[in-house]
Amino acid sequence: MLLPNQNGLLSTGDDSLVRVEGTWSNQNGLISVNQTNDAKAYLSGTNYVNMQFTADVMIGNDSSTSDAGIFFRASDITTGTNALKGYYVGIDALGDRLLLGRIDYDWFGLSYTPMTINANQYYELNVVAVDNNIKVYVDGVLKINVTDTSPILTDGYIGFRANKTAATYKEISCENINIL
């Protein structure tokens, strides 16, 4: 289980946060990023297969097309739009939607779910990924249940992404799920 300190948050100054693109900070139990195009950061030393990944996410922008969220089973993370391989779950305040997609240096949307998203409000995103099935809960309510028929990765890093918005993350945890 990834619980970098007793509160399930990264410790201030923790060097396990690999900043790929964007200006990221890790202070007072919060991970935050300033507004930029496709900011990405991930936790080094993480490699999850079947897992449950939870983070409270707050998007800072509701006046233009933007989204913020978490990625998982990721590899080859670099600078540029959609520059990674893996899965991404995000919230979009302007579009009032939750999105799930597969990224392989290009975006392939797996689900777009309408829901009210307010800027400057935290939403608990909880991803349960087992084999090709991905379930996404928001504030404890199941919103997406998808089986990816063309999976690209079965394991990888977990991380954070914000596109054209500032974002803040807290209450971060991840654990492997053992399949019998």
C-alpha atoms as a PDB file:
ATOM      1  CA  MET A   1       0.000   0.000   0.000  1.00  0.00           C
ATOM      2  CA  LEU A   2       1.296   3.430  -0.896  1.00  0.00           C
ATOM      3  CA  LEU A   3       0.942   5.599   2.180  1.00  0.00           C
ATOM      4  CA  PRO A   4       4.008   7.841   2.154  1.00  0.00           C
ATOM      5  CA  ASN A   5       3.223   9.090   5.676  1.00  0.00           C
ATOM      6  CA  GLN A   6       0.673   8.349   8.358  1.00  0.00           C
ATOM      7  CA  ASN A   7      -1.961  10.537   6.694  1.00  0.00           C
ATOM      8  CA  GLY A   8      -1.731   8.880   3.276  1.00  0.00           C
ATOM      9  CA  LEU A   9      -0.124  12.001   1.822  1.00  0.00           C
ATOM     10  CA  LEU A  10       3.273  12.697   0.388  1.00  0.00           C
ATOM     11  CA  SER A  11       5.547  14.331   2.901  1.00  0.00           C
ATOM     12  CA  THR A  12       6.691  17.867   2.170  1.00  0.00           C
ATOM     13  CA  GLY A  13       9.860  17.698   0.108  1.00  0.00           C
ATOM     14  CA  ASP A  14       9.382  14.009  -0.672  1.00  0.00           C
ATOM     15  CA  ASP A  15      11.570  13.249  -3.689  1.00  0.00           C
ATOM     16  CA  SER A  16       9.363  10.400  -4.960  1.00  0.00           C
ATOM     17  CA  LEU A  17       7.310  12.922  -6.962  1.00  0.00           C
ATOM     18  CA  VAL A  18       8.846  13.025 -10.434  1.00  0.00           C
ATOM     19  CA  ARG A  19       7.869  16.292 -12.099  1.00  0.00           C
ATOM     20  CA  VAL A  20       7.689  15.799 -15.864  1.00  0.00           C
ATOM     21  CA  GLU A  21       5.974  18.957 -17.033  1.00  0.00           C
ATOM     22  CA  GLY A  22       4.523  21.931 -15.181  1.00  0.00           C
ATOM     23  CA  THR A  23       5.401  23.709 -11.945  1.00  0.00           C
ATOM     24  CA  TRP A  24       4.523  21.297  -9.132  1.00  0.00           C
ATOM     25  CA  SER A  25       4.705  21.832  -5.385  1.00  0.00           C
ATOM     26  CA  ASN A  26       4.398  19.447  -2.472  1.00  0.00           C
ATOM     27  CA  GLN A  27       3.628  21.441   0.674  1.00  0.00           C
ATOM     28  CA  ASN A  28       1.401  21.133   3.712  1.00  0.00           C
ATOM     29  CA  GLY A  29       0.121  17.728   2.607  1.00  0.00           C
ATOM     30  CA  LEU A  30      -1.010  18.990  -0.795  1.00  0.00           C
ATOM     31  CA  ILE A  31       0.375  18.382  -4.256  1.00  0.00           C
ATOM     32  CA  SER A  32      -0.448  21.268  -6.565  1.00  0.00           C
ATOM     33  CA  VAL A  33       0.395  22.462 -10.047  1.00  0.00           C
ATOM     34  CA  ASN A  34       0.062  25.845 -11.741  1.00  0.00           C
ATOM     35  CA  GLN A  35      -1.945  26.190 -14.934  1.00  0.00           C
ATOM     36  CA  THR A  36      -0.090  24.937 -18.000  1.00  0.00           C
ATOM     37  CA  ASN A  37      -0.679  22.636 -20.963  1.00  0.00           C
ATOM     38  CA  ASP A  38      -0.654  18.957 -19.971  1.00  0.00           C
ATOM     39  CA  ALA A  39       1.260  19.100 -16.677  1.00  0.00           C
ATOM     40  CA  LYS A  40       2.303  15.649 -15.464  1.00  0.00           C
ATOM     41  CA  ALA A  41       4.012  14.213 -12.387  1.00  0.00           C
ATOM     42  CA  TYR A  42       4.236  10.636 -11.136  1.00  0.00           C
ATOM     43  CA  LEU A  43       5.399   8.706  -8.103  1.00  0.00           C
ATOM     44  CA  SER A  44       8.695   6.925  -8.671  1.00  0.00           C
ATOM     45  CA  GLY A  45       9.016   3.389  -7.420  1.00  0.00           C
ATOM     46  CA  THR A  46       5.360   2.600  -8.101  1.00  0.00           C
ATOM     47  CA  ASN A  47       4.319  -0.308 -10.291  1.00  0.00           C
ATOM     48  CA  TYR A  48       0.726  -1.373  -9.919  1.00  0.00           C
ATOM     49  CA  VAL A  49      -1.187  -4.056 -11.828  1.00  0.00           C
ATOM     50  CA  ASN A  50      -4.587  -4.731 -10.257  1.00  0.00           C
ATOM     51  CA  MET A  51      -5.088  -1.837  -7.908  1.00  0.00           C
ATOM     52  CA  GLN A  52      -7.212   0.745  -6.160  1.00  0.00           C
ATOM     53  CA  PHE A  53      -5.953   4.322  -6.536  1.00  0.00           C
ATOM     54  CA  THR A  54      -7.655   7.155  -4.668  1.00  0.00           C
ATOM     55  CA  ALA A  55      -6.991  10.905  -4.637  1.00  0.00           C
ATOM     56  CA  ASP A  56      -9.013  13.986  -3.824  1.00  0.00           C
ATOM     57  CA  VAL A  57      -8.735  16.288  -6.857  1.00  0.00           C
ATOM     58  CA  MET A  58      -9.617  19.957  -7.177  1.00  0.00           C
ATOM     59  CA  ILE A  59      -9.675  21.642 -10.587  1.00  0.00           C
ATOM     60  CA  GLY A  60      -9.021  25.375 -10.640  1.00  0.00           C
ATOM     61  CA  ASN A  61     -10.551  26.368 -13.986  1.00  0.00           C
ATOM     62  CA  ASP A  62     -14.145  26.343 -15.179  1.00  0.00           C
ATOM     63  CA  SER A  63     -13.952  29.050 -17.862  1.00  0.00           C
ATOM     64  CA  SER A  64     -12.154  27.153 -20.636  1.00  0.00           C
ATOM     65  CA  THR A  65     -11.677  23.598 -21.830  1.00  0.00           C
ATOM     66  CA  SER A  66      -9.504  21.939 -19.212  1.00  0.00           C
ATOM     67  CA  ASP A  67      -9.309  18.857 -17.016  1.00  0.00           C
ATOM     68  CA  ALA A  68      -7.406  17.496 -14.030  1.00  0.00           C
ATOM     69  CA  GLY A  69      -7.126  14.014 -12.638  1.00  0.00           C
ATOM     70  CA  ILE A  70      -5.011  10.931 -12.058  1.00  0.00           C
ATOM     71  CA  PHE A  71      -3.283   8.463 -14.319  1.00  0.00           C
ATOM     72  CA  PHE A  72      -2.399   4.836 -13.697  1.00  0.00           C
ATOM     73  CA  ARG A  73      -0.690   1.838 -15.314  1.00  0.00           C
ATOM     74  CA  ALA A  74       1.497   4.445 -16.986  1.00  0.00           C
ATOM     75  CA  SER A  75       4.888   4.268 -18.658  1.00  0.00           C
ATOM     76  CA  ASP A  76       7.022   6.303 -21.063  1.00  0.00           C
ATOM     77  CA  ILE A  77       5.894   9.565 -19.428  1.00  0.00           C
ATOM     78  CA  THR A  78       7.450  12.589 -21.111  1.00  0.00           C
ATOM     79  CA  THR A  79       6.696  16.203 -22.065  1.00  0.00           C
ATOM     80  CA  GLY A  80       3.971  17.056 -24.556  1.00  0.00           C
ATOM     81  CA  THR A  81       0.245  16.594 -24.945  1.00  0.00           C
ATOM     82  CA  ASN A  82      -0.825  12.998 -24.249  1.00  0.00           C
ATOM     83  CA  ALA A  83       2.857  12.057 -23.945  1.00  0.00           C
ATOM     84  CA  LEU A  84       2.532   8.818 -22.004  1.00  0.00           C
ATOM     85  CA  LYS A  85       1.138   5.316 -22.244  1.00  0.00           C
ATOM     86  CA  GLY A  86      -1.539   4.435 -19.713  1.00  0.00           C
ATOM     87  CA  TYR A  87      -4.995   5.335 -18.444  1.00  0.00           C
ATOM     88  CA  TYR A  88      -6.346   8.668 -17.227  1.00  0.00           C
ATOM     89  CA  VAL A  89      -9.405   9.670 -15.193  1.00  0.00           C
ATOM     90  CA  GLY A  90     -10.181  13.374 -15.060  1.00  0.00           C
ATOM     91  CA  ILE A  91     -12.775  15.956 -14.160  1.00  0.00           C
ATOM     92  CA  ASP A  92     -13.802  18.790 -16.483  1.00  0.00           C
ATOM     93  CA  ALA A  93     -15.624  21.730 -14.842  1.00  0.00           C
ATOM     94  CA  LEU A  94     -16.518  23.573 -18.057  1.00  0.00           C
ATOM     95  CA  GLY A  95     -17.897  20.433 -19.709  1.00  0.00           C
ATOM     96  CA  ASP A  96     -19.420  19.132 -16.458  1.00  0.00           C
ATOM     97  CA  ARG A  97     -18.148  15.627 -17.021  1.00  0.00           C
ATOM     98  CA  LEU A  98     -15.972  12.829 -15.766  1.00  0.00           C
ATOM     99  CA  LEU A  99     -13.717  11.282 -18.377  1.00  0.00           C
ATOM    100  CA  LEU A 100     -11.786   8.027 -18.664  1.00  0.00           C
ATOM    101  CA  GLY A 101      -9.393   7.346 -21.493  1.00  0.00           C
ATOM    102  CA  ARG A 102      -6.537   5.256 -22.735  1.00  0.00           C
ATOM    103  CA  ILE A 103      -3.455   7.189 -23.798  1.00  0.00           C
ATOM    104  CA  ASP A 104      -0.801   5.873 -26.161  1.00  0.00           C
ATOM    105  CA  TYR A 105       0.641   9.242 -27.230  1.00  0.00           C
ATOM    106  CA  ASP A 106      -2.890   9.894 -28.463  1.00  0.00           C
ATOM    107  CA  TRP A 107      -6.200  10.060 -26.623  1.00  0.00           C
ATOM    108  CA  PHE A 108      -8.808   7.310 -26.917  1.00  0.00           C
ATOM    109  CA  GLY A 109     -11.898   8.084 -24.849  1.00  0.00           C
ATOM    110  CA  LEU A 110     -13.370   5.075 -23.055  1.00  0.00           C
ATOM    111  CA  SER A 111     -16.127   6.916 -21.190  1.00  0.00           C
ATOM    112  CA  TYR A 112     -17.526  10.425 -20.808  1.00  0.00           C
ATOM    113  CA  THR A 113     -19.982  10.701 -17.943  1.00  0.00           C
ATOM    114  CA  PRO A 114     -22.021  13.877 -17.370  1.00  0.00           C
ATOM    115  CA  MET A 115     -21.933  15.211 -13.809  1.00  0.00           C
ATOM    116  CA  THR A 116     -21.749  18.606 -12.183  1.00  0.00           C
ATOM    117  CA  ILE A 117     -18.114  19.588 -11.569  1.00  0.00           C
ATOM    118  CA  ASN A 118     -17.392  22.849  -9.769  1.00  0.00           C
ATOM    119  CA  ALA A 119     -14.017  24.564  -9.846  1.00  0.00           C
ATOM    120  CA  ASN A 120     -12.276  24.955  -6.481  1.00  0.00           C
ATOM    121  CA  GLN A 121     -14.083  21.977  -4.929  1.00  0.00           C
ATOM    122  CA  TYR A 122     -12.497  18.625  -4.087  1.00  0.00           C
ATOM    123  CA  TYR A 123     -13.796  15.398  -5.638  1.00  0.00           C
ATOM    124  CA  GLU A 124     -12.630  12.014  -4.421  1.00  0.00           C
ATOM    125  CA  LEU A 125     -11.610   9.977  -7.474  1.00  0.00           C
ATOM    126  CA  ASN A 126     -11.307   6.275  -6.749  1.00  0.00           C
ATOM    127  CA  VAL A 127     -10.144   3.949  -9.521  1.00  0.00           C
ATOM    128  CA  VAL A 128     -10.414   0.180  -9.177  1.00  0.00           C
ATOM    129  CA  ALA A 129      -8.574  -1.505 -12.054  1.00  0.00           C
ATOM    130  CA  VAL A 130      -8.654  -5.301 -12.234  1.00  0.00           C
ATOM    131  CA  ASP A 131      -7.368  -6.921 -15.413  1.00  0.00           C
ATOM    132  CA  ASN A 132      -9.205  -5.120 -18.272  1.00  0.00           C
ATOM    133  CA  ASN A 133     -12.050  -3.806 -16.095  1.00  0.00           C
ATOM    134  CA  ILE A 134     -11.878  -0.237 -14.787  1.00  0.00           C
ATOM    135  CA  LYS A 135     -14.361   1.178 -12.297  1.00  0.00           C
ATOM    136  CA  VAL A 136     -14.359   4.845 -11.343  1.00  0.00           C
ATOM    137  CA  TYR A 137     -16.086   6.160  -8.239  1.00  0.00           C
ATOM    138  CA  VAL A 138     -16.595   9.843  -7.456  1.00  0.00           C
ATOM    139  CA  ASP A 139     -17.239  10.674  -3.823  1.00  0.00           C
ATOM    140  CA  GLY A 140     -18.095   7.019  -3.204  1.00  0.00           C
ATOM    141  CA  VAL A 141     -20.593   6.630  -6.082  1.00  0.00           C
ATOM    142  CA  LEU A 142     -19.849   4.331  -9.045  1.00  0.00           C
ATOM    143  CA  LYS A 143     -19.842   6.516 -12.184  1.00  0.00           C
ATOM    144  CA  ILE A 144     -17.926   4.451 -14.764  1.00  0.00           C
ATOM    145  CA  ASN A 145     -17.633   0.688 -15.246  1.00  0.00           C
ATOM    146  CA  VAL A 146     -15.744  -0.151 -18.451  1.00  0.00           C
ATOM    147  CA  THR A 147     -13.940  -3.183 -19.804  1.00  0.00           C
ATOM    148  CA  ASP A 148     -11.160  -2.126 -22.172  1.00  0.00           C
ATOM    149  CA  THR A 149     -11.152  -4.538 -25.113  1.00  0.00           C
ATOM    150  CA  SER A 150      -7.784  -3.219 -26.383  1.00  0.00           C
ATOM    151  CA  PRO A 151      -5.652  -2.687 -23.283  1.00  0.00           C
ATOM    152  CA  ILE A 152      -2.190  -1.257 -23.851  1.00  0.00           C
ATOM    153  CA  LEU A 153      -0.670  -1.676 -20.415  1.00  0.00           C
ATOM    154  CA  THR A 154      -1.366  -3.954 -17.506  1.00  0.00           C
ATOM    155  CA  ASP A 155       0.992  -2.293 -15.007  1.00  0.00           C
ATOM    156  CA  GLY A 156       2.890   0.906 -14.410  1.00  0.00           C
ATOM    157  CA  TYR A 157       3.248   4.163 -12.496  1.00  0.00           C
ATOM    158  CA  ILE A 158       0.535   6.208 -10.844  1.00  0.00           C
ATOM    159  CA  GLY A 159       0.496   9.972 -11.195  1.00  0.00           C
ATOM    160  CA  PHE A 160      -1.237  13.292 -11.652  1.00  0.00           C
ATOM    161  CA  ARG A 161      -2.184  15.320 -14.696  1.00  0.00           C
ATOM    162  CA  ALA A 162      -3.687  18.756 -15.259  1.00  0.00           C
ATOM    163  CA  ASN A 163      -4.388  20.169 -18.694  1.00  0.00           C
ATOM    164  CA  LYS A 164      -4.855  23.940 -19.066  1.00  0.00           C
ATOM    165  CA  THR A 165      -5.779  24.368 -15.392  1.00  0.00           C
ATOM    166  CA  ALA A 166      -4.270  24.628 -11.963  1.00  0.00           C
ATOM    167  CA  ALA A 167      -5.052  21.607  -9.777  1.00  0.00           C
ATOM    168  CA  THR A 168      -4.561  20.367  -6.237  1.00  0.00           C
ATOM    169  CA  TYR A 169      -4.398  16.780  -4.950  1.00  0.00           C
ATOM    170  CA  LYS A 170      -4.654  15.369  -1.419  1.00  0.00           C
ATOM    171  CA  GLU A 171      -5.551  12.161   0.454  1.00  0.00           C
ATOM    172  CA  ILE A 172      -3.593  10.011  -1.994  1.00  0.00           C
ATOM    173  CA  SER A 173      -3.432   6.252  -1.575  1.00  0.00           C
ATOM    174  CA  CYS A 174      -2.919   3.219  -3.745  1.00  0.00           C
ATOM    175  CA  GLU A 175      -2.900  -0.485  -3.010  1.00  0.00           C
ATOM    176  CA  ASN A 176      -2.551  -3.680  -4.978  1.00  0.00           C
ATOM    177  CA  ILE A 177      -5.590  -5.936  -5.244  1.00  0.00           C
ATOM    178  CA  ASN A 178      -4.817  -9.630  -5.105  1.00  0.00           C
ATOM    179  CA  ILE A 179      -6.845 -11.747  -7.508  1.00  0.00           C
ATOM    180  CA  LEU A 180      -7.502 -15.342  -6.534  1.00  0.00           C
END
